[in-house]
Protein backbone atom coordinates (compact mmCIF):
# COMPACT_ATOMS: atom_id res chain seq x y z
CA MET A 1 4.11 -28.00 73.51
CA SER A 2 4.43 -27.26 77.22
CA ALA A 3 1.88 -27.56 79.98
CA LEU A 4 1.54 -24.80 82.54
CA SER A 5 -0.45 -24.83 85.74
CA VAL A 6 -1.84 -21.43 86.67
CA ARG A 7 -3.76 -20.50 89.79
CA LEU A 8 -6.60 -18.07 89.11
CA PRO A 9 -9.26 -16.60 91.32
CA ASP A 10 -12.56 -18.44 90.90
CA SER A 11 -14.23 -15.31 89.55
CA LEU A 12 -11.63 -14.93 86.78
CA HIS A 13 -11.85 -18.62 85.89
CA LYS A 14 -15.62 -18.33 85.63
CA ARG A 15 -15.33 -15.27 83.39
CA LEU A 16 -12.73 -17.01 81.21
CA LYS A 17 -15.04 -19.98 80.82
CA GLU A 18 -17.90 -17.67 79.78
CA LEU A 19 -15.76 -15.73 77.31
CA ALA A 20 -14.29 -18.88 75.80
CA ALA A 21 -17.78 -20.27 75.26
CA GLN A 22 -18.91 -16.98 73.77
CA GLU A 23 -15.94 -17.02 71.36
CA GLY A 24 -16.39 -20.71 70.58
CA VAL A 25 -12.90 -21.69 71.75
CA SER A 26 -11.45 -23.59 74.67
CA ILE A 27 -10.16 -21.84 77.77
CA ASN A 28 -6.66 -22.98 76.78
CA GLN A 29 -7.03 -21.36 73.35
CA LEU A 30 -8.33 -18.13 74.87
CA ILE A 31 -5.46 -17.95 77.38
CA SER A 32 -2.92 -18.83 74.69
CA LEU A 33 -4.22 -16.04 72.47
CA ALA A 34 -4.19 -13.54 75.34
CA VAL A 35 -0.60 -14.43 76.25
CA THR A 36 0.43 -14.23 72.58
CA GLU A 37 -1.07 -10.75 72.27
CA LYS A 38 0.66 -9.54 75.45
CA VAL A 39 4.05 -11.00 74.47
CA SER A 40 3.73 -9.43 71.02
CA ALA A 41 2.94 -6.04 72.53
CA LEU A 42 5.93 -6.21 74.90
CA LEU A 43 8.30 -7.32 72.14
CA THR A 44 7.03 -4.55 69.87
CA GLU A 45 7.64 -2.00 72.60
CA ASP A 46 11.20 -3.30 73.06
CA TYR A 47 11.81 -3.19 69.30
CA LEU A 48 10.53 0.38 69.02
CA ASN A 49 12.66 1.49 71.98
CA VAL A 50 15.78 0.03 70.32
CA ARG A 51 14.91 1.75 67.04
CA ALA A 52 14.18 5.04 68.82
CA ALA A 53 17.57 4.91 70.56
CA ARG A 54 19.22 4.81 67.12
CA ALA A 55 17.30 7.84 65.89
CA SER A 56 18.74 11.29 65.39
CA ARG A 57 17.52 14.61 64.13
CA GLU A 58 20.16 14.50 61.40
CA LYS A 59 18.86 11.16 60.04
CA PHE A 60 15.31 12.48 60.17
CA ASP A 61 16.24 15.65 58.31
CA ALA A 62 18.16 13.63 55.70
CA ALA A 63 15.14 11.39 55.07
CA MET A 64 12.77 14.35 54.92
CA SER A 65 15.02 16.11 52.40
CA LEU A 66 14.23 13.28 49.96
CA VAL A 67 10.49 14.00 50.10
CA PRO A 68 9.36 16.21 47.22
CA ASP A 69 7.93 19.59 48.17
CA THR A 70 4.49 19.33 46.59
CA GLU A 71 0.98 20.38 47.45
CA PRO A 72 -1.02 17.82 49.45
CA VAL A 73 -3.60 15.64 47.75
CA PRO A 74 -7.06 17.23 48.08
CA GLY A 75 -8.48 16.22 51.45
CA ASP A 76 -5.01 15.78 53.04
CA GLU A 77 -4.51 19.48 53.80
CA LEU A 78 -3.83 20.59 57.35
CA PRO A 79 -6.69 22.52 58.94
């Protein structure tokens, strides 16, 4: 595990301390979770952009041609 020193405004540090106490976790755990969520979101965006770059209308149409042409399940109809 690595240690990281971060400078934060006093007001943010105070709020972090309050939120960590409210959640019943340490400030380190709260920050670690926040960073994990942000990194995950950024990596997901990158992954989706790579997948989108590989997309084509032809591939979409080919996949859709495999879907049976049936009536929607009651409640799934378009308005």
